[in-house]
Amino acid sequence: MEKIVIIGAGLIGATLALELSQRGRDVTLVDAGLPAGQASGRSFGWINASFSLSEAHFALRVAGMAAHERLARRLPGVHRASGCLWWEEAGAAFDATASRLADAGYPLERLTRAAITAREPALRQPPDEALFFPTEGWVDPAALTRAALAASGARVLSGLGAAIRVRGGRACGVDTPLGPIEADQVVIAAGTGAPALLAPLGLDLPMLHRPGLLLRSAPVGLRLGPILAAPEQELRQEDDGRLLAPAAAFHQSDEGGDLSDPLAQAEAALARIGAMLGLSGLKAERVMQADRPVPGDGLPVVGAVPGVGGLWLSVLHSGVTLAAIVAEGLAAAISGQEMPGVLHPFPPSRLLPPA
């Protein structure tokens, strides 16, 4: 039985372990921390394609949403198909977004103020116009990680650093403080830890610095339906009534990246949320910081590492939207099959010269 070692037990590593295990591979995950202990456990969890950086990126995200639907049938009870209510200042930019997505065949409804109020009565000052994306939703990435790991049956070694072993120009396992782990193929799914794993091999993976800050409130009495994506704040509600929100608008970009005073940023976000929903005295139960794994050109990196046989790489944001399609694609490639075409524009070779 072919042995695969995955470095990183976050959402990408966990969903890949599930795909590979179901293909009959012997899978071991090694993580320096705990499963979903970094970005996967500190994510907004929004599954969408209304945000994208290029046509190819849009196509990949649409495929990612479809792959999530397939994953949800295998791991029921984790995904929430809430839809998303999105708006910005009315004008040319709003119209351009609506037209772009409609022309691409992306499901959407264009809502008036009255329709917005009917759909989400908790909003105190609804915009004049908004778009509703019915196929978007959310997932708790930490819960999905745990569910995928449990379903995979893979071994998980937590709290262990790892270094890639190479013999004859091919990855042959990893070295850990407990000793070596032999493998036929190795996958790097370690998020922001990927450059340090590649550096000893003479490979320099450029990454952007994209710190993120997420807050979770105490439970509130009102109930939100869809995800809210307003110009000033993104927001969703968990099943237990707690509100989850990035502490800066447009958390998928580099805006609000200064975290020199995270508590002040969290308080400002709570004030915005309170104004949106007419809630006073809203408190944060938890404030979480995590660096988002964003390759140097802002786009995903998925595929074979050039110059090192049997070594694979997956580094991307948003891992939530793309985890399922990346897992399907990498599992196919590792098994000697063709990756889905939507992943072809994002090979590691575009940022990594051969070792």
Protein backbone atom coordinates (compact mmCIF):
# COMPACT_ATOMS: atom_id res chain seq x y z
CA MET A 1 0.00 0.00 0.00
CA GLU A 2 1.40 3.38 -1.01
CA LYS A 3 2.34 5.54 1.97
CA ILE A 4 1.62 9.28 1.94
CA VAL A 5 2.78 11.80 4.55
CA ILE A 6 0.93 15.11 4.71
CA ILE A 7 2.62 17.93 6.62
CA GLY A 8 -0.19 20.00 8.09
CA ALA A 9 -3.41 18.84 9.73
CA GLY A 10 -5.56 21.85 8.89
CA LEU A 11 -8.54 21.82 6.57
CA ILE A 12 -6.48 21.22 3.41
CA GLY A 13 -4.52 18.34 4.93
CA ALA A 14 -7.62 16.78 6.47
CA THR A 15 -9.76 16.81 3.32
CA LEU A 16 -6.82 15.51 1.28
CA ALA A 17 -6.31 12.72 3.82
CA LEU A 18 -9.96 11.76 3.36
CA GLU A 19 -9.65 11.64 -0.44
CA LEU A 20 -6.40 9.66 -0.37
CA SER A 21 -7.60 7.20 2.25
CA GLN A 22 -10.68 6.47 0.17
CA ARG A 23 -8.34 5.75 -2.73
CA GLY A 24 -6.64 3.09 -0.64
CA ARG A 25 -3.55 5.06 0.43
CA ASP A 26 -1.91 4.74 3.86
CA VAL A 27 -1.96 8.34 5.14
CA THR A 28 -0.11 9.95 8.04
CA LEU A 29 -0.49 13.64 8.94
CA VAL A 30 2.20 15.45 10.90
CA ASP A 31 1.52 18.85 12.44
CA ALA A 32 3.69 21.06 14.62
CA GLY A 33 0.57 22.05 16.56
CA LEU A 34 -2.93 20.63 16.81
CA PRO A 35 -5.37 19.88 13.96
CA ALA A 36 -6.96 23.14 12.75
CA GLY A 37 -4.80 24.97 15.28
CA GLN A 38 -3.84 27.84 13.00
CA ALA A 39 -5.71 29.49 10.11
CA SER A 40 -8.24 26.65 9.74
CA GLY A 41 -9.47 27.18 13.28
CA ARG A 42 -9.58 30.96 12.99
CA SER A 43 -11.47 31.45 9.77
CA PHE A 44 -14.74 33.16 8.88
CA GLY A 45 -15.71 30.01 7.00
CA TRP A 46 -17.48 31.65 4.04
CA ILE A 47 -17.82 29.43 0.95
CA ASN A 48 -18.21 31.67 -2.08
CA ALA A 49 -17.17 32.64 -5.58
CA SER A 50 -18.56 36.18 -5.59
CA PHE A 51 -15.05 37.24 -4.57
CA SER A 52 -12.32 36.36 -7.09
CA LEU A 53 -9.11 37.77 -8.53
CA SER A 54 -9.33 36.57 -12.13
CA GLU A 55 -11.51 34.53 -14.47
CA ALA A 56 -9.48 31.41 -13.73
CA HIS A 57 -9.75 32.08 -9.99
CA PHE A 58 -13.51 32.53 -10.33
CA ALA A 59 -13.83 29.23 -12.19
CA LEU A 60 -11.81 27.49 -9.49
CA ARG A 61 -13.95 28.92 -6.72
CA VAL A 62 -17.16 27.88 -8.50
CA ALA A 63 -15.72 24.38 -8.80
CA GLY A 64 -14.79 24.58 -5.12
CA MET A 65 -18.40 25.29 -4.18
CA ALA A 66 -19.57 22.27 -6.18
CA ALA A 67 -16.92 20.10 -4.54
CA HIS A 68 -18.14 21.27 -1.13
CA GLU A 69 -21.60 20.02 -2.03
CA ARG A 70 -20.12 16.60 -2.80
CA LEU A 71 -18.17 16.66 0.46
CA ALA A 72 -21.30 17.65 2.39
CA ARG A 73 -23.03 14.47 1.21
CA ARG A 74 -20.18 12.44 2.71
CA LEU A 75 -19.89 14.48 5.90
CA PRO A 76 -23.46 15.57 6.66
CA GLY A 77 -24.32 18.15 9.28
CA VAL A 78 -21.23 20.35 8.90
CA HIS A 79 -22.14 22.71 6.04
CA ARG A 80 -24.73 25.51 6.22
CA ALA A 81 -26.35 26.66 2.97
CA SER A 82 -27.37 30.07 4.31
CA GLY A 83 -26.89 32.22 1.23
CA CYS A 84 -25.18 35.60 1.36
CA LEU A 85 -26.54 39.14 1.28
CA TRP A 86 -23.93 41.44 -0.29
CA TRP A 87 -23.92 45.14 -0.96
CA GLU A 88 -21.77 48.21 -1.39
CA GLU A 89 -22.47 51.81 -2.24
CA ALA A 90 -24.97 51.98 -5.11
CA GLY A 91 -23.45 53.09 -8.38
CA ALA A 92 -21.22 51.91 -11.20
CA ALA A 93 -19.16 49.50 -9.07
CA PHE A 94 -22.27 47.75 -7.75
CA ASP A 95 -23.76 47.48 -11.23
CA ALA A 96 -20.48 46.15 -12.62
CA THR A 97 -20.30 43.42 -9.98
CA ALA A 98 -23.92 42.41 -10.60
CA SER A 99 -23.37 42.32 -14.36
CA ARG A 100 -20.08 40.41 -14.14
CA LEU A 101 -21.54 37.67 -11.96
CA ALA A 102 -24.82 37.47 -13.87
CA ASP A 103 -22.98 37.21 -17.20
CA ALA A 104 -20.89 34.38 -15.74
CA GLY A 105 -24.05 32.50 -14.79
CA TYR A 106 -23.51 32.91 -11.06
CA PRO A 107 -26.83 32.51 -9.19
CA LEU A 108 -27.97 35.83 -7.74
CA GLU A 109 -31.02 37.91 -6.97
CA ARG A 110 -31.01 41.70 -7.14
CA LEU A 111 -33.01 42.99 -4.18
CA THR A 112 -34.65 46.33 -3.42
CA ARG A 113 -34.67 47.83 0.07
CA ALA A 114 -38.12 46.36 0.76
CA ALA A 115 -37.00 42.90 -0.36
CA ILE A 116 -33.84 43.18 1.78
CA THR A 117 -35.91 44.03 4.84
CA ALA A 118 -38.23 41.12 4.17
CA ARG A 119 -35.30 38.72 3.82
CA GLU A 120 -33.27 40.05 6.77
CA PRO A 121 -35.43 42.05 9.20
CA ALA A 122 -32.60 42.33 11.73
CA LEU A 123 -30.85 44.97 9.61
CA ARG A 124 -31.52 48.42 11.12
CA GLN A 125 -30.48 50.45 8.09
CA PRO A 126 -30.76 48.27 5.01
CA PRO A 127 -29.14 49.52 1.81
CA ASP A 128 -31.16 50.70 -1.15
CA GLU A 129 -30.07 47.65 -3.14
CA ALA A 130 -28.23 44.38 -2.53
CA LEU A 131 -27.36 41.10 -4.19
CA PHE A 132 -28.40 37.80 -2.67
CA PHE A 133 -26.25 34.78 -3.55
CA PRO A 134 -28.39 31.73 -2.74
CA THR A 135 -25.71 29.07 -3.31
CA GLU A 136 -23.18 30.54 -0.89
CA GLY A 137 -22.90 29.37 2.68
CA TRP A 138 -20.52 28.65 5.50
CA VAL A 139 -18.81 25.94 7.43
CA ASP A 140 -17.01 25.77 10.75
CA PRO A 141 -13.56 24.89 9.36
CA ALA A 142 -12.34 23.37 12.62
CA ALA A 143 -15.40 21.10 12.83
CA LEU A 144 -15.01 20.11 9.19
CA THR A 145 -11.32 19.36 9.77
CA ARG A 146 -12.14 17.08 12.69
CA ALA A 147 -14.92 15.35 10.73
CA ALA A 148 -12.68 14.76 7.70
CA LEU A 149 -9.84 13.40 9.84
CA ALA A 150 -12.18 11.04 11.67
CA ALA A 151 -13.72 9.80 8.42
CA SER A 152 -10.31 9.31 6.81
CA GLY A 153 -8.97 6.95 9.46
CA ALA A 154 -5.54 8.51 8.91
CA ARG A 155 -2.92 8.69 11.64
CA VAL A 156 -2.40 12.17 13.06
CA LEU A 157 0.85 13.04 14.84
CA SER A 158 0.41 16.37 16.63
CA GLY A 159 3.04 18.62 18.17
CA LEU A 160 5.82 17.39 15.88
CA GLY A 161 7.93 19.48 13.59
CA ALA A 162 8.98 17.84 10.33
CA ALA A 163 11.69 18.15 7.71
CA ILE A 164 11.36 16.66 4.24
CA ARG A 165 13.68 13.78 3.41
CA VAL A 166 14.97 13.61 -0.15
CA ARG A 167 16.86 10.68 -1.66
CA GLY A 168 17.90 10.46 -5.27
CA GLY A 169 16.02 13.65 -6.12
CA ARG A 170 12.78 12.29 -4.72
CA ALA A 171 10.89 12.94 -1.47
CA CYS A 172 10.99 9.76 0.59
CA GLY A 173 9.42 10.82 3.89
CA VAL A 174 9.99 13.22 6.75
CA ASP A 175 12.28 13.50 9.74
CA THR A 176 10.62 14.26 13.08
CA PRO A 177 11.87 14.53 16.69
CA LEU A 178 10.55 10.97 17.16
CA GLY A 179 12.50 9.68 14.18
CA PRO A 180 11.98 9.34 10.44
CA ILE A 181 8.70 8.47 8.76
CA GLU A 182 9.16 6.75 5.43
CA ALA A 183 6.75 7.59 2.62
CA ASP A 184 6.34 7.13 -1.10
CA GLN A 185 5.08 10.70 -1.52
CA VAL A 186 4.96 13.83 0.66
CA VAL A 187 2.48 16.69 0.61
CA ILE A 188 3.12 20.13 2.12
CA ALA A 189 -0.20 21.53 3.38
CA ALA A 190 1.26 23.62 6.18
CA GLY A 191 -0.05 27.07 5.26
CA THR A 192 2.36 29.82 6.22
CA GLY A 193 4.84 27.14 7.31
CA ALA A 194 5.40 26.02 3.72
CA PRO A 195 8.37 28.35 2.94
CA ALA A 196 10.38 27.05 5.90
CA LEU A 197 9.79 23.46 4.76
CA LEU A 198 10.90 24.26 1.21
CA ALA A 199 13.93 26.39 2.10
CA PRO A 200 16.26 23.46 3.00
CA LEU A 201 15.58 22.10 -0.50
CA GLY A 202 16.86 25.33 -2.05
CA LEU A 203 13.35 26.52 -2.91
CA ASP A 204 12.10 30.01 -2.07
CA LEU A 205 8.32 30.35 -2.00
CA PRO A 206 7.28 34.02 -1.89
CA MET A 207 4.39 34.75 0.45
CA LEU A 208 2.37 37.85 1.25
CA HIS A 209 1.97 38.95 4.85
CA ARG A 210 -1.77 38.85 5.46
CA PRO A 211 -2.63 38.84 9.15
CA GLY A 212 -6.27 38.30 9.99
CA LEU A 213 -8.29 39.02 13.11
CA LEU A 214 -11.55 37.26 13.91
CA LEU A 215 -13.96 37.80 16.78
CA ARG A 216 -16.72 35.68 18.25
CA SER A 217 -19.42 37.39 20.33
CA ALA A 218 -21.48 36.18 23.22
CA PRO A 219 -24.81 34.67 22.10
CA VAL A 220 -27.43 37.18 20.99
CA GLY A 221 -31.22 36.87 20.89
CA LEU A 222 -31.84 37.79 17.27
CA ARG A 223 -31.36 35.30 14.45
CA LEU A 224 -29.61 36.15 11.20
CA GLY A 225 -30.42 34.18 8.08
CA PRO A 226 -27.72 34.72 5.45
CA ILE A 227 -24.13 35.83 5.72
CA LEU A 228 -23.99 39.63 5.63
CA ALA A 229 -21.26 41.17 3.49
CA ALA A 230 -21.51 44.93 3.87
CA PRO A 231 -18.89 47.50 2.83
CA GLU A 232 -18.02 48.15 6.46
CA GLN A 233 -18.38 44.67 7.94
CA GLU A 234 -18.83 40.98 7.16
CA LEU A 235 -20.86 38.93 9.62
CA ARG A 236 -22.53 35.59 10.14
CA GLN A 237 -24.19 33.77 13.02
CA GLU A 238 -23.32 30.36 14.36
CA ASP A 239 -25.86 27.75 15.41
CA ASP A 240 -25.47 28.63 19.11
CA GLY A 241 -26.38 32.29 18.51
CA ARG A 242 -22.85 33.68 18.61
CA LEU A 243 -21.85 36.18 15.95
CA LEU A 244 -18.63 35.61 14.04
CA ALA A 245 -16.94 38.46 12.19
CA PRO A 246 -13.57 39.56 10.85
CA ALA A 247 -12.37 42.64 12.67
CA ALA A 248 -11.83 44.44 9.37
CA ALA A 249 -14.01 44.65 6.29
CA PHE A 250 -12.92 42.69 3.21
CA HIS A 251 -10.92 40.23 5.28
CA GLN A 252 -9.82 38.40 2.13
CA SER A 253 -7.66 41.36 1.10
CA ASP A 254 -4.80 43.08 2.88
CA GLU A 255 -6.97 45.88 4.20
CA GLY A 256 -6.93 46.27 7.95
CA GLY A 257 -3.65 44.35 8.15
CA ASP A 258 -2.21 46.42 10.99
CA LEU A 259 -2.85 44.42 14.15
CA SER A 260 -0.81 46.59 16.48
CA ASP A 261 -3.92 47.07 18.63
CA PRO A 262 -6.16 44.01 18.06
CA LEU A 263 -8.46 44.76 20.97
CA ALA A 264 -9.20 48.23 19.59
CA GLN A 265 -9.93 46.70 16.17
CA ALA A 266 -12.25 44.16 17.77
CA GLU A 267 -14.10 46.87 19.71
CA ALA A 268 -14.52 48.91 16.53
CA ALA A 269 -15.94 45.86 14.74
CA LEU A 270 -18.36 45.23 17.61
CA ALA A 271 -19.54 48.83 17.37
CA ARG A 272 -20.17 48.43 13.62
CA ILE A 273 -22.07 45.19 14.22
CA GLY A 274 -24.11 46.79 16.98
CA ALA A 275 -25.11 49.61 14.67
CA MET A 276 -25.99 47.20 11.85
CA LEU A 277 -28.27 45.11 14.08
CA GLY A 278 -29.40 47.58 16.72
CA LEU A 279 -27.57 45.70 19.49
CA SER A 280 -26.08 47.55 22.46
CA GLY A 281 -23.44 46.24 24.83
CA LEU A 282 -22.23 43.57 22.41
CA LYS A 283 -19.22 41.75 23.88
CA ALA A 284 -16.51 39.60 22.35
CA GLU A 285 -15.99 36.25 24.02
CA ARG A 286 -12.96 35.49 21.90
CA VAL A 287 -10.59 37.37 19.61
CA MET A 288 -8.42 35.24 17.33
CA GLN A 289 -5.44 36.18 15.19
CA ALA A 290 -4.02 34.09 12.37
CA ASP A 291 -1.78 34.73 9.39
CA ARG A 292 -3.56 33.79 6.19
CA PRO A 293 -1.46 31.67 3.80
CA VAL A 294 -1.34 33.80 0.64
CA PRO A 295 1.28 33.05 -2.07
CA GLY A 296 3.21 35.95 -3.51
CA ASP A 297 0.87 36.66 -6.41
CA GLY A 298 -2.24 36.25 -4.27
CA LEU A 299 -3.40 33.10 -6.07
CA PRO A 300 -3.42 29.43 -5.00
CA VAL A 301 -0.40 27.19 -5.43
CA VAL A 302 -1.43 23.56 -5.99
CA GLY A 303 0.51 20.71 -7.57
CA ALA A 304 3.89 19.05 -7.95
CA VAL A 305 6.99 20.82 -6.63
CA PRO A 306 9.38 21.27 -9.57
CA GLY A 307 12.67 19.40 -9.37
CA VAL A 308 11.71 17.11 -6.48
CA GLY A 309 9.86 13.92 -7.37
CA GLY A 310 7.03 12.80 -5.15
CA LEU A 311 6.68 16.19 -3.45
CA TRP A 312 3.42 18.12 -3.63
CA LEU A 313 2.40 21.56 -2.45
CA SER A 314 -0.90 23.21 -1.52
CA VAL A 315 -0.81 26.80 -0.24
CA LEU A 316 -3.80 29.06 -0.72
CA HIS A 317 -6.39 31.46 0.57
CA SER A 318 -9.26 30.86 0.84
CA GLY A 319 -8.68 27.32 2.02
CA VAL A 320 -12.31 27.12 3.13
CA THR A 321 -13.83 27.65 -0.31
CA LEU A 322 -11.16 25.64 -2.11
CA ALA A 323 -10.38 22.77 0.28
CA ALA A 324 -12.69 20.21 -1.29
CA ILE A 325 -11.69 20.82 -4.92
CA VAL A 326 -7.99 20.98 -4.03
CA ALA A 327 -8.29 17.70 -2.14
CA GLU A 328 -10.01 16.03 -5.09
CA GLY A 329 -7.46 17.40 -7.55
CA LEU A 330 -4.34 16.61 -5.54
CA ALA A 331 -5.58 13.11 -4.70
CA ALA A 332 -6.08 12.48 -8.41
CA ALA A 333 -2.62 13.80 -9.31
CA ILE A 334 -0.90 11.87 -6.52
CA SER A 335 -2.68 8.76 -7.81
CA GLY A 336 -1.30 9.31 -11.31
CA GLN A 337 -4.45 10.80 -12.79
CA GLU A 338 -5.17 14.17 -14.36
CA MET A 339 -6.01 17.08 -12.07
CA PRO A 340 -9.22 18.99 -12.84
CA GLY A 341 -8.62 21.63 -15.46
CA VAL A 342 -9.63 24.43 -13.10
CA LEU A 343 -6.44 23.75 -11.10
CA HIS A 344 -4.09 23.88 -14.09
CA PRO A 345 -3.53 27.69 -13.96
CA PHE A 346 -2.11 27.47 -10.42
CA PRO A 347 1.00 25.23 -10.49
CA PRO A 348 3.87 25.71 -8.02
CA SER A 349 6.26 26.12 -10.97
CA ARG A 350 5.03 29.66 -11.62
CA LEU A 351 6.54 30.80 -8.29
CA LEU A 352 9.19 28.13 -7.66
CA PRO A 353 12.17 27.63 -9.95
CA PRO A 354 13.28 23.98 -10.14
CA ALA A 355 15.45 22.84 -7.21
